[in-house]
Amino acid sequence: MLAALGGLTPPDGGWCLVAVDNGSTDATPGLLADASASLPLTVLQEPQAGKNRALNRALDHIQGDLLVLTDDDIVPDADWLVRLAGAARLHPERDVFGGTIRPVWPSPPPAWLTDAGMPLHVLYALADRPSGACAPEDIYGPNMAVRASLFHGGLRFNPAVGPDGTARYAMGSETELLTRLARAGHTAWFAAEAVVGHQVRPEQMERDWVLGRSYRHGFGVGRRPEPPMVDAAPVIAGRSLTFEGRRAALNVLAALSALLPPEPRRFWWRYRAAWLNGLAEGVAVARAESAAARPAAQPVAGRS
């Protein structure tokens, strides 16, 4: 990624790069120090684990009019920043911009991953559509730009969402922020010509990783203000019998499919069961947090 960033065509006005070392214990500091010799790079430290905490640390050091956010595993086209800056200039009525994201496979992907309708946008942030207006939530973190004025106004990422150093976290850190922007009336533009490749690591093509990703995505959706399906009638004791019945059936199918020879459709059952289990747990956590945040009921004085 750093090598590709070194080959970027600079947009008008230039560009600078802010990298946040989020408590790394490997060779990251030396890698970034070496890169600073050839890149306009500022390195910050955020020792507390959490992608959104790291992003918020960087927001205190932003410059320029357009903030481009990305992940640490992209390979952009040389004109990537020029294209995003051009979209922002041509569409002053928009505040959020995104572009094409294509997986860069380490080897040909297996049929169970590509031929069974698996949601590659969830798994690998695939975004490939024509240029045009879009919902802010249709833009994904590896290729995302926001007008800096919004962050100068106090906008920040939610540190309770996103990767946090644990295996079970709520996915959707950028989506949570973009959903807030959409509700506040901000609009987005998709610039198909702004292209990045998203590197897929070999372990991210294994079934266990995909199932974990499905669970985390469901967990993140469950923590949103209006999660889908969980309130479908009939509801008894605060639980949707329709949702719980569907989840139970898919868990049975998933357990049976794990005993049978691999087959794309059967793996889809396991994927969907993992997603519904994550959704249910995310809703439970969100409701528990909401209840804990409510003030305790005060006793009412009465006549003796």
Foldseek 3Di string as FASTA:
>chain_A
DLVLVLLADAAVVGDAEEAEDAQDDDCVVVVVVVSVVRGNYDYHYHPAFFPQSRVQVCLVPDDDFKDWFADPFKRWDRHQVNLQVVVCVVCVQAFKEFEAEAEDEPDDADCLCPVQPHDCCLLQVGDADAKDWDQLLSHDRHTMMGTSVVVVVPQGWDRQADGGPDLAGAHDRSNVSSVVVVVVPHTYIYRHVNYMYGYDDPVSSDLVNLLSSLLNPLLNLLLDPDRPDQPPPDADPNGHPVLVVVLVVLVVLLVVLVVDPDDNNSSVSSSVNSSSVSNVVSNVVNVVVVVVPDDDDDDDDDDD
